[in-house]
């Protein structure tokens, strides 16, 4: 089944990946912290972005094979994704009401590149939300495209990941004071919440169309 999105696959992939990755979390806090310390930030950014790209690619092409000729399974996964995104969006809007902040302070001795990358790997690969976002949600959405459009979706999603980590790591000294203020996170969480609900609506529409 082909996913008839009103937007181009690369734009759809970039947009969906961006709204999923831009959230307060351990991995983002770690990248921000390394940026503040200016400690192996290039290696950390490259590792996180490359890991996301690999997981997104595996999710898109793996889900494509799993869903081929199985419209009921495709509908079920789309429905589950819609429920998750709806819940995530509502939680984001709830967090926006209370406000939050992201604190990442430096200090201490300089760690080796191996130690820093080991920590980055833990924050990235041991986080179940990473697999839920990149493999299941982004993967199942991209699997609906065919041929070169599927590659475009992966490229868009991977580009969003790279842009975010580069901005977060190298712009840490500019971003940290801003997002230490609850009001900034309230605005961001509101945007994320509304976008999640819109994506949930698209997945729900896809689920209904598959049955």
Protein backbone atom coordinates (compact mmCIF):
# COMPACT_ATOMS: atom_id res chain seq x y z
CA UNK A 1 0.00 0.00 0.00
CA UNK A 2 1.33 3.43 -0.91
CA UNK A 3 0.95 6.26 1.58
CA UNK A 4 -0.59 9.19 -0.30
CA UNK A 5 0.82 12.13 1.64
CA UNK A 6 -0.05 15.66 0.54
CA UNK A 7 3.57 16.67 1.06
CA UNK A 8 6.74 15.49 -0.62
CA UNK A 9 8.33 12.41 1.00
CA UNK A 10 11.51 14.26 1.96
CA UNK A 11 9.48 17.04 3.61
CA UNK A 12 7.26 14.53 5.38
CA UNK A 13 10.30 12.65 6.70
CA UNK A 14 12.08 15.82 7.83
CA UNK A 15 8.99 17.20 9.53
CA UNK A 16 8.04 14.00 11.34
CA UNK A 17 11.58 13.27 12.52
CA UNK A 18 12.08 16.82 13.74
CA UNK A 19 8.98 16.97 15.92
CA UNK A 20 9.80 13.58 17.45
CA UNK A 21 13.43 14.37 18.27
CA UNK A 22 12.99 17.93 19.58
CA UNK A 23 11.92 17.23 23.14
CA UNK A 24 13.40 17.34 26.61
CA UNK A 25 15.25 14.10 27.12
CA UNK A 26 18.42 12.48 28.40
CA UNK A 27 20.09 12.30 24.98
CA UNK A 28 19.42 15.94 24.17
CA UNK A 29 20.56 17.03 27.63
CA UNK A 30 23.79 15.09 27.15
CA UNK A 31 24.49 16.63 23.74
CA UNK A 32 23.78 20.06 25.19
CA UNK A 33 26.08 19.37 28.13
CA UNK A 34 28.91 18.32 25.83
CA UNK A 35 28.36 21.45 23.79
CA UNK A 36 28.64 23.60 26.89
CA UNK A 37 31.87 21.84 27.84
CA UNK A 38 33.12 21.92 24.23
CA UNK A 39 34.23 18.35 24.81
CA UNK A 40 34.36 16.03 21.76
CA UNK A 41 31.15 17.63 20.52
CA UNK A 42 31.87 16.78 16.87
CA UNK A 43 32.17 13.08 17.67
CA UNK A 44 29.03 13.15 19.82
CA UNK A 45 26.96 14.95 17.18
CA UNK A 46 28.16 12.62 14.43
CA UNK A 47 27.47 9.51 16.52
CA UNK A 48 23.94 10.57 17.51
CA UNK A 49 23.01 11.66 13.98
CA UNK A 50 24.50 8.53 12.36
CA UNK A 51 22.73 6.28 14.87
CA UNK A 52 19.40 7.93 14.11
CA UNK A 53 19.98 7.65 10.35
CA UNK A 54 20.76 3.92 10.61
CA UNK A 55 17.75 3.25 12.83
CA UNK A 56 15.46 5.27 10.57
CA UNK A 57 16.69 3.42 7.48
CA UNK A 58 16.31 0.05 9.18
CA UNK A 59 12.85 1.03 10.37
CA UNK A 60 11.61 2.26 6.99
CA UNK A 61 12.89 -0.63 4.88
CA UNK A 62 12.30 -3.26 7.56
CA UNK A 63 8.75 -2.08 8.14
CA UNK A 64 8.18 -1.95 4.38
CA UNK A 65 8.96 -5.66 4.09
CA UNK A 66 6.94 -6.52 7.18
CA UNK A 67 3.87 -4.61 5.96
CA UNK A 68 3.94 -5.72 2.32
CA UNK A 69 0.74 -7.60 1.53
CA UNK A 70 -0.50 -7.21 5.12
CA UNK A 71 -3.03 -4.33 5.13
CA UNK A 72 -4.50 -5.37 8.48
CA UNK A 73 -1.07 -5.20 10.14
CA UNK A 74 -0.41 -1.85 8.49
CA UNK A 75 -3.72 -0.54 9.79
CA UNK A 76 -3.03 -1.86 13.29
CA UNK A 77 0.43 -0.26 13.46
CA UNK A 78 -0.94 3.02 12.13
CA UNK A 79 -3.67 2.96 14.75
CA UNK A 80 -1.18 2.24 17.53
CA UNK A 81 1.04 5.02 16.27
CA UNK A 82 -1.92 7.41 16.23
CA UNK A 83 -2.79 6.51 19.83
CA UNK A 84 0.81 7.01 20.95
CA UNK A 85 1.21 10.33 19.15
CA UNK A 86 -2.11 11.53 20.52
CA UNK A 87 -1.03 10.64 24.06
CA UNK A 88 2.41 12.18 23.51
CA UNK A 89 0.85 15.35 22.12
CA UNK A 90 -1.54 15.70 25.04
CA UNK A 91 1.34 15.19 27.49
CA UNK A 92 3.38 17.85 25.69
CA UNK A 93 0.47 20.28 25.98
CA UNK A 94 0.17 19.37 29.66
CA UNK A 95 3.88 20.05 30.19
CA UNK A 96 3.45 23.36 28.41
CA UNK A 97 0.95 24.41 31.07
CA UNK A 98 3.40 23.83 33.92
CA UNK A 99 6.65 24.81 32.25
CA UNK A 100 9.99 23.04 32.46
CA UNK A 101 13.63 23.75 31.83
CA UNK A 102 16.68 21.93 30.55
CA UNK A 103 19.74 22.26 32.76
CA UNK A 104 23.12 21.04 31.53
CA UNK A 105 26.15 22.32 33.37
CA UNK A 106 29.75 21.53 32.75
CA UNK A 107 32.59 21.01 35.15
CA UNK A 108 35.03 18.37 36.20
CA UNK A 109 37.95 16.89 34.34
CA UNK A 110 37.97 16.29 30.61
CA UNK A 111 36.86 12.78 29.66
CA UNK A 112 38.41 10.75 26.85
CA UNK A 113 36.69 10.53 23.50
CA UNK A 114 36.05 6.81 24.08
CA UNK A 115 34.35 7.50 27.41
CA UNK A 116 32.27 10.32 25.95
CA UNK A 117 31.12 8.18 23.00
CA UNK A 118 30.32 5.29 25.35
CA UNK A 119 28.05 7.61 27.29
CA UNK A 120 26.48 8.89 24.07
CA UNK A 121 25.84 5.29 23.00
CA UNK A 122 24.13 4.56 26.31
CA UNK A 123 21.88 7.61 26.06
CA UNK A 124 21.06 6.74 22.44
CA UNK A 125 20.82 2.96 22.21
CA UNK A 126 19.57 2.11 25.71
CA UNK A 127 16.62 4.48 25.43
CA UNK A 128 13.47 2.57 24.36
CA UNK A 129 11.91 5.79 23.05
CA UNK A 130 14.65 5.96 20.41
CA UNK A 131 13.44 2.69 18.88
CA UNK A 132 9.80 3.64 19.24
CA UNK A 133 10.39 6.95 17.44
CA UNK A 134 12.87 5.97 14.73
CA UNK A 135 12.02 2.34 13.99
CA UNK A 136 8.29 2.09 14.68
CA UNK A 137 6.76 5.53 14.20
CA UNK A 138 9.07 7.04 11.56
CA UNK A 139 9.69 3.61 10.01
CA UNK A 140 6.03 2.72 9.59
CA UNK A 141 5.27 6.16 8.11
CA UNK A 142 8.11 5.92 5.60
CA UNK A 143 7.25 2.34 4.70
CA UNK A 144 4.10 3.59 3.00
CA UNK A 145 6.17 5.16 0.23
CA UNK A 146 7.63 3.21 -2.64
CA UNK A 147 10.91 3.20 -4.54
CA UNK A 148 12.83 6.46 -4.67
CA UNK A 149 10.18 8.19 -2.56
CA UNK A 150 11.08 5.90 0.33
CA UNK A 151 14.71 6.97 0.01
CA UNK A 152 13.58 10.58 0.00
CA UNK A 153 11.66 10.05 3.21
CA UNK A 154 14.72 8.49 4.89
CA UNK A 155 16.93 11.34 3.64
CA UNK A 156 14.52 13.94 5.01
CA UNK A 157 14.24 12.24 8.40
CA UNK A 158 18.01 11.76 8.69
CA UNK A 159 18.60 15.37 7.68
CA UNK A 160 16.27 16.59 10.43
CA UNK A 161 18.20 14.53 12.97
CA UNK A 162 21.56 15.88 11.79
CA UNK A 163 20.34 19.50 11.78
CA UNK A 164 18.97 19.17 15.29
CA UNK A 165 22.07 17.62 16.83
CA UNK A 166 24.39 20.08 15.08
CA UNK A 167 22.26 23.00 16.25
CA UNK A 168 22.02 21.64 19.78
CA UNK A 169 25.70 20.77 20.12
CA UNK A 170 27.34 23.73 18.45
CA UNK A 171 24.69 26.24 19.48
CA UNK A 172 24.67 25.07 23.09
CA UNK A 173 26.03 28.29 24.53
CA UNK A 174 23.25 30.23 22.82
CA UNK A 175 20.48 27.69 23.44
CA UNK A 176 21.22 26.91 27.10
CA UNK A 177 20.24 30.32 28.55
CA UNK A 178 17.10 30.36 26.41
CA UNK A 179 15.85 26.89 27.32
CA UNK A 180 16.78 27.29 30.97
CA UNK A 181 13.70 29.53 31.05
CA UNK A 182 10.38 27.70 31.48
CA UNK A 183 8.58 30.05 29.07
CA UNK A 184 10.76 28.94 26.14
CA UNK A 185 9.95 25.29 26.81
CA UNK A 186 6.26 26.13 27.17
CA UNK A 187 6.22 27.54 23.65
CA UNK A 188 8.22 24.61 22.27
CA UNK A 189 6.10 21.99 24.03
CA UNK A 190 2.94 23.66 22.73
CA UNK A 191 4.21 23.50 19.15
CA UNK A 192 5.27 19.86 19.61
CA UNK A 193 1.92 18.96 21.18
CA UNK A 194 -0.17 20.44 18.37
CA UNK A 195 2.08 18.88 15.72
CA UNK A 196 1.85 15.46 17.39
CA UNK A 197 -1.93 15.65 17.34
CA UNK A 198 -1.87 16.54 13.63
CA UNK A 199 0.41 13.58 12.89
CA UNK A 200 -1.87 11.34 14.97
CA UNK A 201 -4.76 12.44 12.77
CA UNK A 202 -2.82 11.54 9.61
CA UNK A 203 -1.95 8.08 10.96
CA UNK A 204 -5.56 7.50 12.05
CA UNK A 205 -6.71 8.43 8.54
CA UNK A 206 -4.19 5.97 7.11
CA UNK A 207 -5.43 3.22 9.45
CA UNK A 208 -9.04 3.75 8.40
CA UNK A 209 -8.09 3.74 4.73
CA UNK A 210 -6.29 0.39 5.11
CA UNK A 211 -9.30 -1.52 6.45
